Amino acid sequence: MTTPETSYEELKKSLREISLLGSTASVLHWDEQTYMPPAGAEYRAEQVSLLARMVHEQFTAPRIGELLAAVEGSTLIKDPESDAAANTRETRRSYDRATRLPSAFVEELSRVTSLAHHAWVEARKTSDFAAFQPWLEKIIVLKREEADLVGHKGNRYDALLDEYEPNETADGVRAVFESLRGSLVELVGKIMDSGRKAPVEILERHYPAAKQEQLAREAAARVGFDFNAGRLDVSVHPFCTGLVPGDTRITTRYDESYFGDAFFGVLHETGHALYDQGLNKDAFGLPVGEAVSLGIHESQSRMWENLVGRSRAFWKFFLPRTREVLGSTLDGVSDDDWYFAINDVRPSFIRTESDEVTYNLHVLLRFELEEALLSGDLTPADVPDAWNEKVRKYLGITPPDHARGCLQDVHWSGGSFGYFPTYTLGNLYAAQLFEAARRDLGDLDGQIASGSFAPLLGWLRGKIHRHGKRYTPRELARRATGQELSADALLDYLRKKTGELYGI
């Protein structure tokens, strides 16, 4: 006899099997960006397209809808915060979205973005936007179609943003940017007028890749990354992918003439990895075992990269070890010089290398261009000029080439429109969460300075990681901090840090 209980067990089994299949595709994506030879691109596109279609067809099968219907309305989900209620609610949300996308469309999008990724890699190497433009045009057409298939209330961007940040809208994101833009531009102006310059040249000495990797691995392990359940490799664009419980992989890239890229990039991806490694392993494949949103995910990476990794407390602990590994490379570098150098603020071309103050301005221009591309107000051919114009407007500089302009990010080649705003949401959440952790844990700076990162990680495990998708992103953060989402904590943090460094 079929009961809500047996239906729920069958639903969980099906979801886990679908997730296993999806994780297989993720392994292929990881391999594609790390070790796969270039000549394998065509057949890799066919492999991932096939898997994407299989995952989509299994998840959108009528039986999944029948199982959801059997559980919905039963006493199993009477408690809205229970595992059963959260799993059923979030599966329904994803199921309704997925069933609006035909399998043929999903397969085609996967095929095009796989090939577009390789076109982007080559175009970026040669700074040749014209080589990537035809692929961007194809992706824009497909993303418009996706938004229309999923449904929206007049703004296609809302349909795409919702995939990454549930319940957010373009209007909501715009309000967040409006609350930041003026204050950030003002702060940048004060810093530029202060006359103080960070000694960034000490980061531009020769830093052998092997020693950078040694330090990055030690730092990642120290803050909590489990290398028995993860890897660190090299890719064109750093990323983190949680494949299955026990297998979370991060990547970085090394520049021997600059220290910051790899080290802080690894801390950033480690933040993502700590979230993935902190999810409920027994709930693999189920919503309560998955990250709630990219904004919350980004809050973890930005917190470990910046609020921890660029703090005085962190380097009080880690700089002596850094000196040991690097030896004479840091001769003549004082603790204060190092701290100032890694917190340099100045307009720059590359988003991933930008400082904490200007970073959100990089995100803002991408959000505006994406909206314009989806609405038709901007054509792909006009992207380079539009990009450069916005960089001049917000940062006061002009990219010297497309590699340091509109070709710098991997996101568009993968079809990830609606993704960029989650970076700024992550910064906002990170500042509020860190402020709350400081309040709850007492002498957080002292703990970090002594190399004790377990209290902060434990706090995040309890407040964020273990809940999965039990709550909405904003509700999860409100429960952890006691406050609604606001720009206040981030602006207070930035003003305090830069005020000390630049005397403003």
Protein backbone atom coordinates (compact mmCIF):
# COMPACT_ATOMS: atom_id res chain seq x y z
CA MET A 1 0.00 0.00 0.00
CA THR A 2 1.34 3.41 -0.97
CA THR A 3 1.48 5.94 1.84
CA PRO A 4 2.98 9.43 2.15
CA GLU A 5 5.84 7.82 4.05
CA THR A 6 6.67 5.30 1.32
CA SER A 7 6.29 7.99 -1.34
CA TYR A 8 8.69 10.22 0.54
CA GLU A 9 11.27 7.42 0.81
CA GLU A 10 10.97 6.72 -2.92
CA LEU A 11 11.34 10.44 -3.64
CA LYS A 12 14.52 10.64 -1.56
CA LYS A 13 16.00 7.61 -3.30
CA SER A 14 15.26 9.08 -6.73
CA LEU A 15 16.76 12.45 -5.83
CA ARG A 16 19.96 10.84 -4.58
CA GLU A 17 20.33 8.81 -7.77
CA ILE A 18 19.79 11.94 -9.87
CA SER A 19 22.41 13.78 -7.82
CA LEU A 20 24.89 10.94 -8.35
CA LEU A 21 24.39 11.25 -12.09
CA GLY A 22 24.78 15.03 -11.89
CA SER A 23 27.96 14.68 -9.85
CA THR A 24 29.38 12.50 -12.63
CA ALA A 25 28.89 15.40 -15.03
CA SER A 26 30.60 17.67 -12.49
CA VAL A 27 33.68 15.44 -12.54
CA LEU A 28 33.82 15.86 -16.31
CA HIS A 29 33.48 19.65 -15.97
CA TRP A 30 36.31 19.69 -13.41
CA ASP A 31 38.52 17.58 -15.66
CA GLU A 32 37.68 19.80 -18.62
CA GLN A 33 39.05 22.84 -16.81
CA THR A 34 42.10 21.19 -15.29
CA TYR A 35 43.64 18.24 -17.15
CA MET A 36 41.67 17.48 -20.33
CA PRO A 37 43.70 17.97 -23.55
CA PRO A 38 42.25 20.67 -25.85
CA ALA A 39 41.53 18.16 -28.61
CA GLY A 40 38.97 16.47 -26.37
CA ALA A 41 36.65 19.47 -26.32
CA GLU A 42 34.22 18.33 -29.01
CA TYR A 43 33.48 14.92 -27.51
CA ARG A 44 33.50 16.32 -23.97
CA ALA A 45 30.70 18.64 -25.08
CA GLU A 46 28.74 15.59 -26.27
CA GLN A 47 29.42 13.76 -22.99
CA VAL A 48 28.21 16.55 -20.74
CA SER A 49 25.25 17.26 -23.01
CA LEU A 50 24.15 13.63 -22.78
CA LEU A 51 24.45 13.64 -19.00
CA ALA A 52 22.61 16.97 -18.75
CA ARG A 53 19.73 15.51 -20.75
CA MET A 54 19.66 12.35 -18.64
CA VAL A 55 19.60 14.31 -15.38
CA HIS A 56 16.88 16.59 -16.70
CA GLU A 57 14.72 13.74 -17.96
CA GLN A 58 15.01 11.80 -14.73
CA PHE A 59 14.22 14.82 -12.58
CA THR A 60 11.27 15.93 -14.70
CA ALA A 61 9.76 12.44 -14.98
CA PRO A 62 6.03 12.36 -14.14
CA ARG A 63 6.79 9.98 -11.26
CA ILE A 64 8.65 12.74 -9.39
CA GLY A 65 5.54 14.91 -9.65
CA GLU A 66 3.37 12.05 -8.43
CA LEU A 67 5.60 11.46 -5.41
CA LEU A 68 5.61 15.16 -4.54
CA ALA A 69 1.82 15.28 -4.76
CA ALA A 70 1.54 12.24 -2.48
CA VAL A 71 3.68 13.90 0.20
CA GLU A 72 2.26 17.42 -0.08
CA GLY A 73 -0.65 17.98 2.25
CA SER A 74 0.31 15.04 4.48
CA THR A 75 1.25 15.22 8.14
CA LEU A 76 4.84 14.51 7.10
CA ILE A 77 5.33 18.16 6.27
CA LYS A 78 3.18 19.60 9.05
CA ASP A 79 6.25 21.18 10.64
CA PRO A 80 7.48 23.66 7.96
CA GLU A 81 11.04 23.51 9.33
CA SER A 82 11.32 19.71 9.26
CA ASP A 83 13.58 17.89 6.82
CA ALA A 84 10.59 16.44 5.02
CA ALA A 85 8.91 19.82 4.64
CA ALA A 86 12.07 21.54 3.39
CA ASN A 87 12.94 18.72 1.00
CA THR A 88 9.43 18.61 -0.41
CA ARG A 89 9.09 22.38 -0.74
CA GLU A 90 12.44 22.91 -2.44
CA THR A 91 12.09 19.89 -4.69
CA ARG A 92 8.71 21.17 -5.83
CA ARG A 93 10.27 24.55 -6.54
CA SER A 94 13.02 23.01 -8.67
CA TYR A 95 10.68 20.49 -10.30
CA ASP A 96 8.23 23.14 -11.44
CA ARG A 97 11.07 25.16 -12.97
CA ALA A 98 12.71 22.16 -14.64
CA THR A 99 9.53 20.78 -16.15
CA ARG A 100 9.13 24.00 -18.09
CA LEU A 101 12.43 23.32 -19.90
CA PRO A 102 12.29 20.69 -22.68
CA SER A 103 15.06 18.08 -22.63
CA ALA A 104 16.18 19.12 -26.10
CA PHE A 105 16.68 22.68 -24.86
CA VAL A 106 18.69 21.56 -21.81
CA GLU A 107 20.91 19.39 -23.98
CA GLU A 108 21.49 22.17 -26.50
CA LEU A 109 22.34 24.71 -23.81
CA SER A 110 24.83 22.29 -22.27
CA ARG A 111 26.42 21.58 -25.66
CA VAL A 112 26.73 25.25 -26.63
CA THR A 113 28.16 26.38 -23.29
CA SER A 114 30.68 23.54 -23.26
CA LEU A 115 32.00 24.60 -26.67
CA ALA A 116 31.72 28.29 -25.76
CA HIS A 117 33.93 27.73 -22.74
CA HIS A 118 36.80 26.56 -24.94
CA ALA A 119 36.22 29.43 -27.36
CA TRP A 120 36.39 31.83 -24.41
CA VAL A 121 39.64 30.32 -23.12
CA GLU A 122 41.30 30.84 -26.50
CA ALA A 123 39.77 34.29 -27.03
CA ARG A 124 40.96 35.41 -23.61
CA LYS A 125 44.50 34.25 -24.36
CA THR A 126 44.65 36.41 -27.48
CA SER A 127 42.33 39.18 -26.26
CA ASP A 128 40.14 38.53 -29.30
CA PHE A 129 36.51 39.36 -28.52
CA ALA A 130 35.46 38.79 -32.13
CA ALA A 131 36.34 35.10 -31.72
CA PHE A 132 34.00 34.78 -28.75
CA GLN A 133 31.21 37.05 -30.00
CA PRO A 134 29.34 34.38 -32.07
CA TRP A 135 29.18 32.13 -29.01
CA LEU A 136 27.93 34.96 -26.82
CA GLU A 137 25.21 35.65 -29.38
CA LYS A 138 24.10 32.01 -29.27
CA ILE A 139 24.09 31.99 -25.48
CA ILE A 140 22.04 35.19 -25.25
CA VAL A 141 19.39 33.69 -27.54
CA LEU A 142 19.27 30.54 -25.40
CA LYS A 143 19.10 32.42 -22.09
CA ARG A 144 16.26 34.59 -23.34
CA GLU A 145 14.45 31.42 -24.36
CA GLU A 146 15.14 29.89 -20.96
CA ALA A 147 13.74 32.93 -19.14
CA ASP A 148 10.60 32.86 -21.26
CA LEU A 149 10.13 29.12 -20.75
CA VAL A 150 10.57 29.40 -16.97
CA GLY A 151 8.32 32.46 -16.81
CA HIS A 152 8.67 35.96 -15.44
CA LYS A 153 6.66 39.11 -14.78
CA GLY A 154 8.19 41.27 -17.48
CA ASN A 155 11.88 41.12 -16.65
CA ARG A 156 13.74 38.11 -18.02
CA TYR A 157 16.54 38.76 -15.58
CA ASP A 158 14.32 37.79 -12.65
CA ALA A 159 13.85 34.27 -14.04
CA LEU A 160 17.61 33.74 -14.38
CA LEU A 161 18.58 35.38 -11.07
CA ASP A 162 16.08 33.20 -9.21
CA GLU A 163 18.03 30.09 -10.14
CA TYR A 164 21.04 31.29 -8.16
CA GLU A 165 19.43 33.43 -5.46
CA PRO A 166 15.90 32.19 -4.70
CA ASN A 167 13.29 34.90 -4.17
CA GLU A 168 15.56 37.76 -5.28
CA THR A 169 14.61 40.08 -8.15
CA ALA A 170 16.44 42.56 -10.34
CA ASP A 171 14.65 45.36 -8.50
CA GLY A 172 15.83 43.99 -5.17
CA VAL A 173 19.41 43.73 -6.41
CA ARG A 174 19.24 47.23 -7.83
CA ALA A 175 18.17 48.57 -4.43
CA VAL A 176 21.19 46.90 -2.84
CA PHE A 177 23.51 48.51 -5.36
CA GLU A 178 21.90 51.90 -4.87
CA SER A 179 22.58 51.66 -1.13
CA LEU A 180 26.24 50.99 -1.83
CA ARG A 181 27.18 52.96 -4.94
CA GLY A 182 27.33 56.49 -3.56
CA SER A 183 29.12 55.51 -0.36
CA LEU A 184 31.68 53.40 -2.19
CA VAL A 185 32.44 56.06 -4.79
CA GLU A 186 32.84 58.59 -1.98
CA LEU A 187 35.14 56.28 -0.04
CA VAL A 188 37.29 55.57 -3.09
CA GLY A 189 37.58 59.31 -3.69
CA LYS A 190 38.78 59.93 -0.14
CA ILE A 191 41.33 57.15 -0.41
CA MET A 192 42.69 58.47 -3.72
CA ASP A 193 42.91 61.97 -2.22
CA SER A 194 44.64 60.81 0.96
CA GLY A 195 48.08 60.82 -0.63
CA ARG A 196 48.94 57.49 0.97
CA LYS A 197 50.09 54.62 -1.23
CA ALA A 198 50.31 51.01 -0.18
CA PRO A 199 53.74 49.43 -0.80
CA VAL A 200 52.33 46.94 -3.31
CA GLU A 201 55.74 46.48 -4.89
CA ILE A 202 56.58 44.00 -2.12
CA LEU A 203 53.87 41.70 -3.52
CA GLU A 204 55.43 41.98 -6.98
CA ARG A 205 58.73 40.32 -6.18
CA HIS A 206 59.60 36.83 -7.40
CA TYR A 207 57.38 34.30 -5.63
CA PRO A 208 58.06 30.75 -6.90
CA ALA A 209 54.85 28.89 -7.66
CA ALA A 210 55.92 25.91 -5.54
CA LYS A 211 56.33 28.10 -2.46
CA GLN A 212 53.03 29.87 -3.13
CA GLU A 213 51.34 26.49 -3.34
CA GLN A 214 52.97 25.36 -0.10
CA LEU A 215 51.69 28.41 1.77
CA ALA A 216 48.25 28.23 0.19
CA ARG A 217 47.87 24.56 1.13
CA GLU A 218 49.00 25.22 4.70
CA ALA A 219 46.60 28.12 5.11
CA ALA A 220 43.67 26.19 3.64
CA ALA A 221 44.32 23.24 5.92
CA ARG A 222 44.78 25.45 8.96
CA VAL A 223 41.41 27.17 8.60
CA GLY A 224 39.70 23.81 8.21
CA PHE A 225 39.85 22.45 4.64
CA ASP A 226 40.08 18.65 4.76
CA PHE A 227 42.58 17.54 2.12
CA ASN A 228 41.61 13.92 2.75
CA ALA A 229 38.26 14.94 1.28
CA GLY A 230 39.46 17.46 -1.29
CA ARG A 231 42.08 18.59 -3.81
CA LEU A 232 43.83 21.75 -4.94
CA ASP A 233 44.69 22.02 -8.65
CA VAL A 234 45.32 24.64 -11.35
CA SER A 235 42.79 26.08 -13.82
CA VAL A 236 42.40 29.20 -15.97
CA HIS A 237 39.63 30.51 -13.74
CA PRO A 238 39.74 29.48 -10.04
CA PHE A 239 36.68 27.60 -8.81
CA CYS A 240 35.36 25.18 -6.22
CA THR A 241 33.18 22.18 -6.93
CA GLY A 242 31.64 19.93 -4.30
CA LEU A 243 31.20 16.66 -6.19
CA VAL A 244 29.92 14.35 -3.46
CA PRO A 245 30.49 14.08 0.30
CA GLY A 246 34.19 13.38 0.71
CA ASP A 247 35.21 14.98 -2.59
CA THR A 248 35.39 18.76 -2.75
CA ARG A 249 37.86 20.25 -5.22
CA ILE A 250 39.32 23.74 -5.49
CA THR A 251 41.57 25.31 -8.09
CA THR A 252 43.75 28.38 -8.40
CA ARG A 253 46.29 29.93 -10.78
CA TYR A 254 49.82 31.06 -9.95
CA ASP A 255 51.62 34.24 -10.99
CA GLU A 256 55.24 34.13 -9.90
CA SER A 257 55.53 37.90 -10.10
CA TYR A 258 52.58 38.56 -7.77
CA PHE A 259 51.80 36.96 -4.42
CA GLY A 260 48.15 37.90 -3.92
CA ASP A 261 46.38 36.10 -6.74
CA ALA A 262 46.91 32.52 -5.71
CA PHE A 263 47.02 32.89 -1.94
CA PHE A 264 43.84 34.88 -1.53
CA GLY A 265 42.24 32.97 -4.38
CA VAL A 266 42.80 29.75 -2.47
CA LEU A 267 41.40 31.25 0.73
CA HIS A 268 38.36 32.35 -1.29
CA GLU A 269 37.75 28.91 -2.77
CA THR A 270 38.47 27.34 0.61
CA GLY A 271 35.58 29.34 2.02
CA HIS A 272 33.32 27.76 -0.59
CA ALA A 273 34.81 24.35 0.14
CA LEU A 274 34.28 24.67 3.90
CA TYR A 275 30.60 25.25 3.22
CA ASP A 276 30.41 22.18 0.98
CA GLN A 277 32.34 20.06 3.47
CA GLY A 278 30.05 21.26 6.26
CA LEU A 279 26.80 20.20 4.61
CA ASN A 280 24.89 17.26 6.04
CA LYS A 281 26.55 14.23 4.42
CA ASP A 282 23.58 12.00 5.21
CA ALA A 283 21.34 14.32 3.19
CA PHE A 284 23.34 14.14 -0.05
CA GLY A 285 21.05 14.74 -3.02
CA LEU A 286 18.36 16.33 -0.88
CA PRO A 287 17.70 20.06 -0.43
CA VAL A 288 18.60 20.02 3.27
CA GLY A 289 22.02 18.73 2.20
CA GLU A 290 22.60 21.46 -0.39
CA ALA A 291 23.76 25.08 -0.17
CA VAL A 292 20.85 27.50 0.06
CA SER A 293 22.05 30.04 -2.52
CA LEU A 294 25.08 31.44 -4.27
CA GLY A 295 24.85 34.63 -2.23
CA ILE A 296 25.20 32.70 1.02
CA HIS A 297 27.90 30.54 -0.58
CA GLU A 298 29.77 33.68 -1.57
CA SER A 299 29.46 35.02 1.95
CA GLN A 300 31.58 32.10 3.12
CA SER A 301 34.30 32.60 0.52
CA ARG A 302 34.51 36.36 0.97
CA MET A 303 34.57 36.03 4.75
CA TRP A 304 37.56 33.68 4.77
CA GLU A 305 39.35 35.56 2.00
CA ASN A 306 38.87 39.08 3.33
CA LEU A 307 37.44 39.45 6.81
CA VAL A 308 39.74 36.70 8.05
CA GLY A 309 42.51 36.45 5.45
CA ARG A 310 43.25 40.16 5.11
CA SER A 311 42.99 40.94 8.81
CA ARG A 312 45.83 41.97 11.09
CA ALA A 313 44.95 39.05 13.33
CA PHE A 314 45.43 36.46 10.58
CA TRP A 315 48.85 37.76 9.61
CA LYS A 316 49.99 38.04 13.20
CA PHE A 317 49.61 34.27 13.14
CA PHE A 318 50.61 33.41 9.56
CA LEU A 319 53.28 35.96 8.62
CA PRO A 320 56.06 34.29 10.64
CA ARG A 321 55.42 31.06 8.72
CA THR A 322 55.29 32.99 5.45
CA ARG A 323 58.70 34.48 6.22
CA GLU A 324 60.08 30.99 6.90
CA VAL A 325 58.88 29.64 3.56
CA LEU A 326 59.79 32.66 1.43
CA GLY A 327 63.10 33.43 3.11
CA SER A 328 64.97 36.44 1.72
CA THR A 329 62.07 37.37 -0.55
CA LEU A 330 60.54 39.29 2.35
CA ASP A 331 63.75 40.94 3.53
CA GLY A 332 63.05 44.50 4.64
CA VAL A 333 59.28 44.00 4.77
CA SER A 334 57.71 45.04 8.06
CA ASP A 335 54.47 43.60 9.41
CA ASP A 336 52.75 46.94 8.81
CA ASP A 337 54.02 47.16 5.24
CA TRP A 338 52.72 43.68 4.48
CA TYR A 339 49.29 44.42 5.99
CA PHE A 340 49.01 47.67 4.04
CA ALA A 341 50.12 46.01 0.79
CA ILE A 342 47.53 43.22 0.94
CA ASN A 343 44.82 45.80 1.69
CA ASP A 344 45.75 48.22 -1.07
CA VAL A 345 42.77 50.12 -2.51
CA ARG A 346 42.90 51.45 -6.04
CA PRO A 347 40.80 51.08 -9.21
CA SER A 348 41.86 48.03 -11.21
CA PHE A 349 40.79 46.10 -14.30
CA ILE A 350 40.29 42.55 -13.02
CA ARG A 351 37.32 41.82 -10.76
CA THR A 352 38.89 38.81 -9.07
CA GLU A 353 41.99 40.85 -8.24
CA SER A 354 40.16 43.98 -7.12
CA ASP A 355 40.17 45.25 -3.55
CA GLU A 356 37.30 45.09 -1.09
CA VAL A 357 36.22 48.68 -1.67
CA THR A 358 36.03 48.71 -5.47
CA TYR A 359 34.90 45.08 -5.91
CA ASN A 360 31.18 45.76 -5.87
CA LEU A 361 31.54 48.39 -8.58
CA HIS A 362 32.89 45.63 -10.82
CA VAL A 363 29.78 43.59 -10.07
CA LEU A 364 27.48 46.53 -10.68
CA LEU A 365 28.64 47.10 -14.25
CA ARG A 366 28.23 43.40 -15.09
CA PHE A 367 24.70 43.37 -13.72
CA GLU A 368 23.77 46.36 -15.83
CA LEU A 369 25.26 44.87 -18.99
CA GLU A 370 23.53 41.54 -18.44
CA GLU A 371 20.15 43.19 -18.03
CA ALA A 372 20.73 45.19 -21.22
CA LEU A 373 21.80 42.10 -23.18
CA LEU A 374 18.75 40.12 -22.13
CA SER A 375 16.35 42.97 -22.85
CA GLY A 376 17.89 43.69 -26.25
CA ASP A 377 19.01 47.19 -25.31
CA LEU A 378 22.60 46.02 -25.90
CA THR A 379 23.88 43.76 -28.67
CA PRO A 380 26.80 41.35 -28.10
CA ALA A 381 28.79 43.23 -30.74
CA ASP A 382 28.58 46.39 -28.65
CA VAL A 383 29.70 44.74 -25.39
CA PRO A 384 33.38 45.81 -25.54
CA ASP A 385 32.56 49.51 -25.93
CA ALA A 386 29.77 49.39 -23.35
CA TRP A 387 32.05 47.55 -20.92
CA ASN A 388 34.86 50.08 -21.28
CA GLU A 389 32.46 52.98 -20.89
CA LYS A 390 31.16 51.64 -17.58
CA VAL A 391 34.64 50.91 -16.29
CA ARG A 392 35.54 54.53 -16.98
CA LYS A 393 32.35 55.71 -15.31
CA TYR A 394 32.65 53.68 -12.11
CA LEU A 395 36.41 53.21 -11.73
CA GLY A 396 37.94 56.02 -13.74
CA ILE A 397 40.19 53.77 -15.82
CA THR A 398 40.04 52.20 -19.30
CA PRO A 399 40.89 48.52 -19.98
CA PRO A 400 43.90 48.31 -22.33
CA ASP A 401 42.57 45.14 -24.01
CA HIS A 402 39.60 42.75 -23.96
CA ALA A 403 41.40 40.16 -21.83
CA ARG A 404 41.44 42.71 -19.03
CA GLY A 405 38.00 43.91 -20.02
CA CYS A 406 34.94 42.03 -21.19
CA LEU A 407 36.71 38.68 -21.68
CA GLN A 408 38.05 38.34 -18.15
CA ASP A 409 35.21 36.30 -16.60
CA VAL A 410 34.21 32.72 -17.37
CA HIS A 411 30.54 33.19 -16.44
CA TRP A 412 29.03 34.22 -19.78
CA SER A 413 30.69 31.35 -21.62
CA GLY A 414 28.92 29.00 -19.21
CA GLY A 415 25.57 30.73 -19.59
CA SER A 416 25.59 31.96 -16.00
CA PHE A 417 23.53 35.11 -16.49
CA GLY A 418 22.09 36.29 -13.17
CA TYR A 419 25.09 34.98 -11.27
CA PHE A 420 27.11 38.17 -10.75
CA PRO A 421 24.75 39.92 -8.27
CA THR A 422 25.27 37.06 -5.83
CA TYR A 423 28.84 38.28 -5.31
CA THR A 424 27.67 41.55 -3.81
CA LEU A 425 24.95 39.81 -1.81
CA GLY A 426 27.74 37.58 -0.51
CA ASN A 427 29.77 40.58 0.63
CA LEU A 428 26.78 41.99 2.49
CA TYR A 429 25.97 38.68 4.17
CA ALA A 430 29.64 38.08 5.03
CA ALA A 431 30.00 41.38 6.87
CA GLN A 432 26.82 40.83 8.85
CA LEU A 433 27.70 37.23 9.71
CA PHE A 434 31.22 38.15 10.81
CA GLU A 435 29.87 40.95 12.96
CA ALA A 436 27.45 38.50 14.60
CA ALA A 437 30.20 35.90 15.09
CA ARG A 438 32.39 38.50 16.76
CA ARG A 439 29.53 39.31 19.10
CA ASP A 440 28.82 35.65 19.92
CA LEU A 441 32.39 34.34 20.15
CA GLY A 442 33.98 37.09 22.17
CA ASP A 443 37.63 37.76 21.33
CA LEU A 444 37.45 36.56 17.73
CA ASP A 445 40.54 38.56 16.75
CA GLY A 446 42.51 36.94 19.55
CA GLN A 447 41.40 33.50 18.47
CA ILE A 448 42.45 34.14 14.87
CA ALA A 449 45.78 35.66 15.93
CA SER A 450 46.56 32.49 17.90
CA GLY A 451 45.75 30.28 14.91
CA SER A 452 42.49 29.05 16.41
CA PHE A 453 39.97 29.02 13.57
CA ALA A 454 37.76 26.24 14.90
CA PRO A 455 35.45 28.57 16.90
CA LEU A 456 34.53 30.61 13.82
CA LEU A 457 34.17 27.54 11.61
CA GLY A 458 32.06 25.85 14.27
CA TRP A 459 29.84 28.93 14.51
CA LEU A 460 29.33 28.90 10.73
CA ARG A 461 28.67 25.16 10.75
CA GLY A 462 25.90 25.65 13.31
CA LYS A 463 24.39 28.84 11.95
CA ILE A 464 24.70 28.29 8.19
CA HIS A 465 26.12 25.02 6.87
CA ARG A 466 24.02 22.43 8.65
CA HIS A 467 20.69 23.96 7.62
CA GLY A 468 21.07 23.46 3.87
CA LYS A 469 17.94 24.84 2.20
CA ARG A 470 15.75 24.65 5.29
CA TYR A 471 15.27 28.42 5.19
CA THR A 472 15.37 31.06 2.47
CA PRO A 473 18.70 32.92 2.15
CA ARG A 474 17.44 36.07 3.84
CA GLU A 475 15.72 34.13 6.62
CA LEU A 476 18.82 32.01 7.25
CA ALA A 477 20.97 35.14 7.59
CA ARG A 478 18.37 36.85 9.77
CA ARG A 479 18.33 33.88 12.14
CA ALA A 480 22.13 33.90 12.33
CA THR A 481 22.56 37.65 12.80
CA GLY A 482 19.27 38.90 14.21
CA GLN A 483 19.13 41.54 11.47
CA GLU A 484 17.65 42.05 8.03
CA LEU A 485 19.99 42.31 5.06
CA SER A 486 21.64 45.72 5.00
CA ALA A 487 24.73 47.47 3.66
CA ASP A 488 25.56 48.96 7.08
CA ALA A 489 27.88 46.22 8.36
CA LEU A 490 29.90 46.12 5.14
CA LEU A 491 30.26 49.88 4.93
CA ASP A 492 31.21 50.14 8.62
CA TYR A 493 33.87 47.46 8.14
CA LEU A 494 35.33 49.11 5.02
CA ARG A 495 35.35 52.59 6.55
CA LYS A 496 37.09 51.37 9.70
CA LYS A 497 39.80 49.43 7.87
CA THR A 498 40.53 52.08 5.24
CA GLY A 499 40.28 54.85 7.79
CA GLU A 500 43.19 53.32 9.69
CA LEU A 501 45.28 52.62 6.61
CA TYR A 502 44.67 55.85 4.70
CA GLY A 503 44.10 58.27 7.58
CA ILE A 504 40.63 59.29 6.41
